[in-house]
Amino acid sequence: DTAVYYCAADAVPDCGATRIDEYD
């Protein structure tokens, strides 16, 4: 589990985005 952990917000309210460029 060792890693850098990031959070990201997507303007789309339902989960579905998985690509980095889909998050705002």
mmCIF file of all heavy atoms, coordinates in Angstrom:
data_MODEL
# 
_entry.id   MODEL 
# 
loop_
_atom_site.group_PDB 
_atom_site.id 
_atom_site.type_symbol 
_atom_site.label_atom_id 
_atom_site.label_alt_id 
_atom_site.label_comp_id 
_atom_site.label_asym_id 
_atom_site.label_entity_id 
_atom_site.label_seq_id 
_atom_site.pdbx_PDB_ins_code 
_atom_site.Cartn_x 
_atom_site.Cartn_y 
_atom_site.Cartn_z 
_atom_site.occupancy 
_atom_site.B_iso_or_equiv 
_atom_site.pdbx_formal_charge 
_atom_site.auth_seq_id 
_atom_site.auth_comp_id 
_atom_site.auth_asym_id 
_atom_site.auth_atom_id 
_atom_site.pdbx_PDB_model_num 
ATOM 1   N N   . ASP A 1 1  ? 0.822   -1.220 0.000   1.00 0.00 ? 1  ASP A N   1 
ATOM 2   C CA  . ASP A 1 1  ? 0.000   0.000  0.000   1.00 0.00 ? 1  ASP A CA  1 
ATOM 3   C C   . ASP A 1 1  ? 0.849   1.260  0.000   1.00 0.00 ? 1  ASP A C   1 
ATOM 4   O O   . ASP A 1 1  ? 0.313   2.368  -0.091  1.00 0.00 ? 1  ASP A O   1 
ATOM 5   C CB  . ASP A 1 1  ? -0.922  0.025  1.230   1.00 0.00 ? 1  ASP A CB  1 
ATOM 6   C CG  . ASP A 1 1  ? -1.930  -1.108 1.221   1.00 0.00 ? 1  ASP A CG  1 
ATOM 7   O OD1 . ASP A 1 1  ? -2.528  -1.362 0.147   1.00 0.00 ? 1  ASP A OD1 1 
ATOM 8   O OD2 . ASP A 1 1  ? -2.126  -1.732 2.282   1.00 0.00 ? 1  ASP A OD2 1 
ATOM 9   N N   . THR A 1 2  ? 2.139   1.109  0.106   1.00 0.00 ? 2  THR A N   1 
ATOM 10  C CA  . THR A 1 2  ? 3.036   2.263  0.089   1.00 0.00 ? 2  THR A CA  1 
ATOM 11  C C   . THR A 1 2  ? 2.906   3.018  -1.228  1.00 0.00 ? 2  THR A C   1 
ATOM 12  O O   . THR A 1 2  ? 3.068   2.434  -2.305  1.00 0.00 ? 2  THR A O   1 
ATOM 13  C CB  . THR A 1 2  ? 4.491   1.817  0.301   1.00 0.00 ? 2  THR A CB  1 
ATOM 14  O OG1 . THR A 1 2  ? 4.622   1.254  1.610   1.00 0.00 ? 2  THR A OG1 1 
ATOM 15  C CG2 . THR A 1 2  ? 5.452   2.988  0.144   1.00 0.00 ? 2  THR A CG2 1 
ATOM 16  N N   . ALA A 1 3  ? 2.595   4.293  -1.134  1.00 0.00 ? 3  ALA A N   1 
ATOM 17  C CA  . ALA A 1 3  ? 2.361   5.108  -2.326  1.00 0.00 ? 3  ALA A CA  1 
ATOM 18  C C   . ALA A 1 3  ? 2.084   6.541  -1.897  1.00 0.00 ? 3  ALA A C   1 
ATOM 19  O O   . ALA A 1 3  ? 1.887   6.822  -0.708  1.00 0.00 ? 3  ALA A O   1 
ATOM 20  C CB  . ALA A 1 3  ? 1.173   4.578  -3.121  1.00 0.00 ? 3  ALA A CB  1 
ATOM 21  N N   . VAL A 1 4  ? 2.049   7.420  -2.875  1.00 0.00 ? 4  VAL A N   1 
ATOM 22  C CA  . VAL A 1 4  ? 1.500   8.757  -2.653  1.00 0.00 ? 4  VAL A CA  1 
ATOM 23  C C   . VAL A 1 4  ? 0.010   8.672  -2.974  1.00 0.00 ? 4  VAL A C   1 
ATOM 24  O O   . VAL A 1 4  ? -0.374  8.172  -4.030  1.00 0.00 ? 4  VAL A O   1 
ATOM 25  C CB  . VAL A 1 4  ? 2.182   9.814  -3.540  1.00 0.00 ? 4  VAL A CB  1 
ATOM 26  C CG1 . VAL A 1 4  ? 1.548   11.188 -3.312  1.00 0.00 ? 4  VAL A CG1 1 
ATOM 27  C CG2 . VAL A 1 4  ? 3.683   9.862  -3.253  1.00 0.00 ? 4  VAL A CG2 1 
ATOM 28  N N   . TYR A 1 5  ? -0.800  9.146  -2.051  1.00 0.00 ? 5  TYR A N   1 
ATOM 29  C CA  . TYR A 1 5  ? -2.251  9.086  -2.198  1.00 0.00 ? 5  TYR A CA  1 
ATOM 30  C C   . TYR A 1 5  ? -2.786  10.469 -2.553  1.00 0.00 ? 5  TYR A C   1 
ATOM 31  O O   . TYR A 1 5  ? -2.414  11.473 -1.924  1.00 0.00 ? 5  TYR A O   1 
ATOM 32  C CB  . TYR A 1 5  ? -2.887  8.579  -0.914  1.00 0.00 ? 5  TYR A CB  1 
ATOM 33  C CG  . TYR A 1 5  ? -2.723  7.087  -0.733  1.00 0.00 ? 5  TYR A CG  1 
ATOM 34  C CD1 . TYR A 1 5  ? -1.466  6.545  -0.448  1.00 0.00 ? 5  TYR A CD1 1 
ATOM 35  C CD2 . TYR A 1 5  ? -3.802  6.221  -0.873  1.00 0.00 ? 5  TYR A CD2 1 
ATOM 36  C CE1 . TYR A 1 5  ? -1.301  5.177  -0.311  1.00 0.00 ? 5  TYR A CE1 1 
ATOM 37  C CE2 . TYR A 1 5  ? -3.641  4.851  -0.734  1.00 0.00 ? 5  TYR A CE2 1 
ATOM 38  C CZ  . TYR A 1 5  ? -2.385  4.336  -0.453  1.00 0.00 ? 5  TYR A CZ  1 
ATOM 39  O OH  . TYR A 1 5  ? -2.220  2.981  -0.312  1.00 0.00 ? 5  TYR A OH  1 
ATOM 40  N N   . TYR A 1 6  ? -3.664  10.482 -3.550  1.00 0.00 ? 6  TYR A N   1 
ATOM 41  C CA  . TYR A 1 6  ? -4.248  11.725 -4.036  1.00 0.00 ? 6  TYR A CA  1 
ATOM 42  C C   . TYR A 1 6  ? -5.767  11.644 -3.982  1.00 0.00 ? 6  TYR A C   1 
ATOM 43  O O   . TYR A 1 6  ? -6.346  10.590 -4.237  1.00 0.00 ? 6  TYR A O   1 
ATOM 44  C CB  . TYR A 1 6  ? -3.860  11.971 -5.498  1.00 0.00 ? 6  TYR A CB  1 
ATOM 45  C CG  . TYR A 1 6  ? -2.396  12.077 -5.782  1.00 0.00 ? 6  TYR A CG  1 
ATOM 46  C CD1 . TYR A 1 6  ? -1.633  10.938 -6.056  1.00 0.00 ? 6  TYR A CD1 1 
ATOM 47  C CD2 . TYR A 1 6  ? -1.761  13.317 -5.815  1.00 0.00 ? 6  TYR A CD2 1 
ATOM 48  C CE1 . TYR A 1 6  ? -0.288  11.030 -6.329  1.00 0.00 ? 6  TYR A CE1 1 
ATOM 49  C CE2 . TYR A 1 6  ? -0.407  13.416 -6.096  1.00 0.00 ? 6  TYR A CE2 1 
ATOM 50  C CZ  . TYR A 1 6  ? 0.316   12.268 -6.356  1.00 0.00 ? 6  TYR A CZ  1 
ATOM 51  O OH  . TYR A 1 6  ? 1.665   12.375 -6.640  1.00 0.00 ? 6  TYR A OH  1 
ATOM 52  N N   . CYS A 1 7  ? -6.401  12.772 -3.713  1.00 0.00 ? 7  CYS A N   1 
ATOM 53  C CA  . CYS A 1 7  ? -7.843  12.849 -3.911  1.00 0.00 ? 7  CYS A CA  1 
ATOM 54  C C   . CYS A 1 7  ? -8.105  13.772 -5.100  1.00 0.00 ? 7  CYS A C   1 
ATOM 55  O O   . CYS A 1 7  ? -7.283  14.640 -5.423  1.00 0.00 ? 7  CYS A O   1 
ATOM 56  C CB  . CYS A 1 7  ? -8.570  13.340 -2.670  1.00 0.00 ? 7  CYS A CB  1 
ATOM 57  S SG  . CYS A 1 7  ? -8.210  15.032 -2.168  1.00 0.00 ? 7  CYS A SG  1 
ATOM 58  N N   . ALA A 1 8  ? -9.244  13.556 -5.729  1.00 0.00 ? 8  ALA A N   1 
ATOM 59  C CA  . ALA A 1 8  ? -9.608  14.337 -6.895  1.00 0.00 ? 8  ALA A CA  1 
ATOM 60  C C   . ALA A 1 8  ? -11.124 14.511 -6.918  1.00 0.00 ? 8  ALA A C   1 
ATOM 61  O O   . ALA A 1 8  ? -11.856 13.617 -6.500  1.00 0.00 ? 8  ALA A O   1 
ATOM 62  C CB  . ALA A 1 8  ? -9.134  13.643 -8.165  1.00 0.00 ? 8  ALA A CB  1 
ATOM 63  N N   . ALA A 1 9  ? -11.565 15.654 -7.398  1.00 0.00 ? 9  ALA A N   1 
ATOM 64  C CA  . ALA A 1 9  ? -12.992 15.970 -7.443  1.00 0.00 ? 9  ALA A CA  1 
ATOM 65  C C   . ALA A 1 9  ? -13.468 16.060 -8.882  1.00 0.00 ? 9  ALA A C   1 
ATOM 66  O O   . ALA A 1 9  ? -12.816 16.688 -9.726  1.00 0.00 ? 9  ALA A O   1 
ATOM 67  C CB  . ALA A 1 9  ? -13.255 17.286 -6.711  1.00 0.00 ? 9  ALA A CB  1 
ATOM 68  N N   . ASP A 1 10 ? -14.618 15.454 -9.135  1.00 0.00 ? 10 ASP A N   1 
ATOM 69  C CA  . ASP A 1 10 ? -15.221 15.427 -10.459 1.00 0.00 ? 10 ASP A CA  1 
ATOM 70  C C   . ASP A 1 10 ? -16.586 16.094 -10.380 1.00 0.00 ? 10 ASP A C   1 
ATOM 71  O O   . ASP A 1 10 ? -17.392 15.750 -9.509  1.00 0.00 ? 10 ASP A O   1 
ATOM 72  C CB  . ASP A 1 10 ? -15.361 13.978 -10.918 1.00 0.00 ? 10 ASP A CB  1 
ATOM 73  C CG  . ASP A 1 10 ? -15.927 13.835 -12.317 1.00 0.00 ? 10 ASP A CG  1 
ATOM 74  O OD1 . ASP A 1 10 ? -16.117 14.857 -13.008 1.00 0.00 ? 10 ASP A OD1 1 
ATOM 75  O OD2 . ASP A 1 10 ? -16.191 12.688 -12.722 1.00 0.00 ? 10 ASP A OD2 1 
ATOM 76  N N   . ALA A 1 11 ? -16.849 17.018 -11.291 1.00 0.00 ? 11 ALA A N   1 
ATOM 77  C CA  . ALA A 1 11 ? -18.127 17.727 -11.277 1.00 0.00 ? 11 ALA A CA  1 
ATOM 78  C C   . ALA A 1 11 ? -19.308 16.822 -11.592 1.00 0.00 ? 11 ALA A C   1 
ATOM 79  O O   . ALA A 1 11 ? -20.454 17.169 -11.315 1.00 0.00 ? 11 ALA A O   1 
ATOM 80  C CB  . ALA A 1 11 ? -18.084 18.894 -12.253 1.00 0.00 ? 11 ALA A CB  1 
ATOM 81  N N   . VAL A 1 12 ? -19.047 15.650 -12.145 1.00 0.00 ? 12 VAL A N   1 
ATOM 82  C CA  . VAL A 1 12 ? -20.115 14.681 -12.379 1.00 0.00 ? 12 VAL A CA  1 
ATOM 83  C C   . VAL A 1 12 ? -20.449 14.020 -11.056 1.00 0.00 ? 12 VAL A C   1 
ATOM 84  O O   . VAL A 1 12 ? -19.580 13.449 -10.419 1.00 0.00 ? 12 VAL A O   1 
ATOM 85  C CB  . VAL A 1 12 ? -19.684 13.627 -13.413 1.00 0.00 ? 12 VAL A CB  1 
ATOM 86  C CG1 . VAL A 1 12 ? -20.773 12.576 -13.579 1.00 0.00 ? 12 VAL A CG1 1 
ATOM 87  C CG2 . VAL A 1 12 ? -19.353 14.302 -14.742 1.00 0.00 ? 12 VAL A CG2 1 
ATOM 88  N N   . PRO A 1 13 ? -21.698 14.069 -10.592 1.00 0.00 ? 13 PRO A N   1 
ATOM 89  C CA  . PRO A 1 13 ? -22.014 13.582 -9.245  1.00 0.00 ? 13 PRO A CA  1 
ATOM 90  C C   . PRO A 1 13 ? -21.943 12.073 -9.059  1.00 0.00 ? 13 PRO A C   1 
ATOM 91  O O   . PRO A 1 13 ? -21.791 11.601 -7.927  1.00 0.00 ? 13 PRO A O   1 
ATOM 92  C CB  . PRO A 1 13 ? -23.442 14.096 -9.006  1.00 0.00 ? 13 PRO A CB  1 
ATOM 93  C CG  . PRO A 1 13 ? -23.994 14.357 -10.365 1.00 0.00 ? 13 PRO A CG  1 
ATOM 94  C CD  . PRO A 1 13 ? -22.850 14.736 -11.226 1.00 0.00 ? 13 PRO A CD  1 
ATOM 95  N N   . ASP A 1 14 ? -22.059 11.310 -10.130 1.00 0.00 ? 14 ASP A N   1 
ATOM 96  C CA  . ASP A 1 14 ? -21.979 9.854  -10.006 1.00 0.00 ? 14 ASP A CA  1 
ATOM 97  C C   . ASP A 1 14 ? -20.564 9.384  -10.290 1.00 0.00 ? 14 ASP A C   1 
ATOM 98  O O   . ASP A 1 14 ? -19.896 9.877  -11.201 1.00 0.00 ? 14 ASP A O   1 
ATOM 99  C CB  . ASP A 1 14 ? -22.926 9.180  -10.994 1.00 0.00 ? 14 ASP A CB  1 
ATOM 100 C CG  . ASP A 1 14 ? -24.376 9.433  -10.647 1.00 0.00 ? 14 ASP A CG  1 
ATOM 101 O OD1 . ASP A 1 14 ? -24.739 9.226  -9.478  1.00 0.00 ? 14 ASP A OD1 1 
ATOM 102 O OD2 . ASP A 1 14 ? -25.133 9.849  -11.538 1.00 0.00 ? 14 ASP A OD2 1 
ATOM 103 N N   . CYS A 1 15 ? -20.144 8.385  -9.524  1.00 0.00 ? 15 CYS A N   1 
ATOM 104 C CA  . CYS A 1 15 ? -18.826 7.795  -9.783  1.00 0.00 ? 15 CYS A CA  1 
ATOM 105 C C   . CYS A 1 15 ? -18.854 7.095  -11.136 1.00 0.00 ? 15 CYS A C   1 
ATOM 106 O O   . CYS A 1 15 ? -19.799 6.382  -11.453 1.00 0.00 ? 15 CYS A O   1 
ATOM 107 C CB  . CYS A 1 15 ? -18.475 6.807  -8.680  1.00 0.00 ? 15 CYS A CB  1 
ATOM 108 S SG  . CYS A 1 15 ? -18.063 7.575  -7.120  1.00 0.00 ? 15 CYS A SG  1 
ATOM 109 N N   . GLY A 1 16 ? -17.823 7.290  -11.874 1.00 0.00 ? 16 GLY A N   1 
ATOM 110 C CA  . GLY A 1 16 ? -17.725 6.656  -13.190 1.00 0.00 ? 16 GLY A CA  1 
ATOM 111 C C   . GLY A 1 16 ? -16.412 6.996  -13.842 1.00 0.00 ? 16 GLY A C   1 
ATOM 112 O O   . GLY A 1 16 ? -15.879 6.246  -14.644 1.00 0.00 ? 16 GLY A O   1 
ATOM 113 N N   . ALA A 1 17 ? -15.888 8.140  -13.462 1.00 0.00 ? 17 ALA A N   1 
ATOM 114 C CA  . ALA A 1 17 ? -14.612 8.562  -14.021 1.00 0.00 ? 17 ALA A CA  1 
ATOM 115 C C   . ALA A 1 17 ? -13.490 7.741  -13.411 1.00 0.00 ? 17 ALA A C   1 
ATOM 116 O O   . ALA A 1 17 ? -13.470 7.502  -12.202 1.00 0.00 ? 17 ALA A O   1 
ATOM 117 C CB  . ALA A 1 17 ? -14.390 10.044 -13.735 1.00 0.00 ? 17 ALA A CB  1 
ATOM 118 N N   . THR A 1 18 ? -12.583 7.289  -14.244 1.00 0.00 ? 18 THR A N   1 
ATOM 119 C CA  . THR A 1 18 ? -11.417 6.556  -13.760 1.00 0.00 ? 18 THR A CA  1 
ATOM 120 C C   . THR A 1 18 ? -10.121 7.143  -14.294 1.00 0.00 ? 18 THR A C   1 
ATOM 121 O O   . THR A 1 18 ? -9.059  6.881  -13.751 1.00 0.00 ? 18 THR A O   1 
ATOM 122 C CB  . THR A 1 18 ? -11.489 5.070  -14.162 1.00 0.00 ? 18 THR A CB  1 
ATOM 123 O OG1 . THR A 1 18 ? -11.629 4.985  -15.582 1.00 0.00 ? 18 THR A OG1 1 
ATOM 124 C CG2 . THR A 1 18 ? -12.669 4.389  -13.498 1.00 0.00 ? 18 THR A CG2 1 
ATOM 125 N N   . ARG A 1 19 ? -10.206 7.916  -15.359 1.00 0.00 ? 19 ARG A N   1 
ATOM 126 C CA  . ARG A 1 19 ? -9.001  8.515  -15.930 1.00 0.00 ? 19 ARG A CA  1 
ATOM 127 C C   . ARG A 1 19 ? -8.660  9.800  -15.218 1.00 0.00 ? 19 ARG A C   1 
ATOM 128 O O   . ARG A 1 19 ? -9.527  10.556 -14.791 1.00 0.00 ? 19 ARG A O   1 
ATOM 129 C CB  . ARG A 1 19 ? -9.202  8.787  -17.418 1.00 0.00 ? 19 ARG A CB  1 
ATOM 130 C CG  . ARG A 1 19 ? -9.470  7.571  -18.274 1.00 0.00 ? 19 ARG A CG  1 
ATOM 131 C CD  . ARG A 1 19 ? -9.220  7.892  -19.756 1.00 0.00 ? 19 ARG A CD  1 
ATOM 132 N NE  . ARG A 1 19 ? -9.659  9.218  -20.111 1.00 0.00 ? 19 ARG A NE  1 
ATOM 133 C CZ  . ARG A 1 19 ? -10.848 9.480  -20.640 1.00 0.00 ? 19 ARG A CZ  1 
ATOM 134 N NH1 . ARG A 1 19 ? -11.716 8.504  -20.819 1.00 0.00 ? 19 ARG A NH1 1 
ATOM 135 N NH2 . ARG A 1 19 ? -11.183 10.718 -20.970 1.00 0.00 ? 19 ARG A NH2 1 
ATOM 136 N N   . ILE A 1 20 ? -7.391  10.072 -15.151 1.00 0.00 ? 20 ILE A N   1 
ATOM 137 C CA  . ILE A 1 20 ? -6.914  11.272 -14.476 1.00 0.00 ? 20 ILE A CA  1 
ATOM 138 C C   . ILE A 1 20 ? -7.517  12.518 -15.098 1.00 0.00 ? 20 ILE A C   1 
ATOM 139 O O   . ILE A 1 20 ? -7.920  13.450 -14.394 1.00 0.00 ? 20 ILE A O   1 
ATOM 140 C CB  . ILE A 1 20 ? -5.377  11.305 -14.524 1.00 0.00 ? 20 ILE A CB  1 
ATOM 141 C CG1 . ILE A 1 20 ? -4.790  10.182 -13.668 1.00 0.00 ? 20 ILE A CG1 1 
ATOM 142 C CG2 . ILE A 1 20 ? -4.852  12.661 -14.075 1.00 0.00 ? 20 ILE A CG2 1 
ATOM 143 C CD1 . ILE A 1 20 ? -3.295  10.039 -13.771 1.00 0.00 ? 20 ILE A CD1 1 
ATOM 144 N N   . ASP A 1 21 ? -7.619  12.561 -16.415 1.00 0.00 ? 21 ASP A N   1 
ATOM 145 C CA  . ASP A 1 21 ? -8.076  13.782 -17.080 1.00 0.00 ? 21 ASP A CA  1 
ATOM 146 C C   . ASP A 1 21 ? -9.588  14.001 -16.962 1.00 0.00 ? 21 ASP A C   1 
ATOM 147 O O   . ASP A 1 21 ? -10.101 15.024 -17.409 1.00 0.00 ? 21 ASP A O   1 
ATOM 148 C CB  . ASP A 1 21 ? -7.655  13.787 -18.547 1.00 0.00 ? 21 ASP A CB  1 
ATOM 149 C CG  . ASP A 1 21 ? -8.242  12.634 -19.354 1.00 0.00 ? 21 ASP A CG  1 
ATOM 150 O OD1 . ASP A 1 21 ? -8.942  11.778 -18.753 1.00 0.00 ? 21 ASP A OD1 1 
ATOM 151 O OD2 . ASP A 1 21 ? -7.995  12.568 -20.565 1.00 0.00 ? 21 ASP A OD2 1 
ATOM 152 N N   . GLU A 1 22 ? -10.283 13.069 -16.344 1.00 0.00 ? 22 GLU A N   1 
ATOM 153 C CA  . GLU A 1 22 ? -11.724 13.244 -16.153 1.00 0.00 ? 22 GLU A CA  1 
ATOM 154 C C   . GLU A 1 22 ? -12.037 14.026 -14.887 1.00 0.00 ? 22 GLU A C   1 
ATOM 155 O O   . GLU A 1 22 ? -13.165 14.444 -14.684 1.00 0.00 ? 22 GLU A O   1 
ATOM 156 C CB  . GLU A 1 22 ? -12.415 11.887 -16.106 1.00 0.00 ? 22 GLU A CB  1 
ATOM 157 C CG  . GLU A 1 22 ? -12.390 11.137 -17.432 1.00 0.00 ? 22 GLU A CG  1 
ATOM 158 C CD  . GLU A 1 22 ? -13.116 9.805  -17.337 1.00 0.00 ? 22 GLU A CD  1 
ATOM 159 O OE1 . GLU A 1 22 ? -12.572 8.883  -16.708 1.00 0.00 ? 22 GLU A OE1 1 
ATOM 160 O OE2 . GLU A 1 22 ? -14.219 9.696  -17.896 1.00 0.00 ? 22 GLU A OE2 1 
ATOM 161 N N   . TYR A 1 23 ? -11.041 14.184 -14.022 1.00 0.00 ? 23 TYR A N   1 
ATOM 162 C CA  . TYR A 1 23 ? -11.262 14.880 -12.767 1.00 0.00 ? 23 TYR A CA  1 
ATOM 163 C C   . TYR A 1 23 ? -10.889 16.353 -12.895 1.00 0.00 ? 23 TYR A C   1 
ATOM 164 O O   . TYR A 1 23 ? -9.952  16.718 -13.604 1.00 0.00 ? 23 TYR A O   1 
ATOM 165 C CB  . TYR A 1 23 ? -10.472 14.215 -11.642 1.00 0.00 ? 23 TYR A CB  1 
ATOM 166 C CG  . TYR A 1 23 ? -11.138 12.952 -11.143 1.00 0.00 ? 23 TYR A CG  1 
ATOM 167 C CD1 . TYR A 1 23 ? -10.953 11.736 -11.795 1.00 0.00 ? 23 TYR A CD1 1 
ATOM 168 C CD2 . TYR A 1 23 ? -11.988 12.989 -10.033 1.00 0.00 ? 23 TYR A CD2 1 
ATOM 169 C CE1 . TYR A 1 23 ? -11.602 10.589 -11.349 1.00 0.00 ? 23 TYR A CE1 1 
ATOM 170 C CE2 . TYR A 1 23 ? -12.624 11.841 -9.586  1.00 0.00 ? 23 TYR A CE2 1 
ATOM 171 C CZ  . TYR A 1 23 ? -12.427 10.648 -10.240 1.00 0.00 ? 23 TYR A CZ  1 
ATOM 172 O OH  . TYR A 1 23 ? -13.068 9.521  -9.805  1.00 0.00 ? 23 TYR A OH  1 
ATOM 173 N N   . ASP A 1 24 ? -11.643 17.191 -12.187 1.00 0.00 ? 24 ASP A N   1 
ATOM 174 C CA  . ASP A 1 24 ? -11.499 18.639 -12.337 1.00 0.00 ? 24 ASP A CA  1 
ATOM 175 C C   . ASP A 1 24 ? -10.484 19.257 -11.386 1.00 0.00 ? 24 ASP A C   1 
ATOM 176 O O   . ASP A 1 24 ? -9.837  20.254 -11.720 1.00 0.00 ? 24 ASP A O   1 
ATOM 177 C CB  . ASP A 1 24 ? -12.856 19.312 -12.121 1.00 0.00 ? 24 ASP A CB  1 
ATOM 178 C CG  . ASP A 1 24 ? -13.890 18.830 -13.118 1.00 0.00 ? 24 ASP A CG  1 
ATOM 179 O OD1 . ASP A 1 24 ? -13.772 19.201 -14.301 1.00 0.00 ? 24 ASP A OD1 1 
ATOM 180 O OD2 . ASP A 1 24 ? -14.796 18.074 -12.728 1.00 0.00 ? 24 ASP A OD2 1 
# 
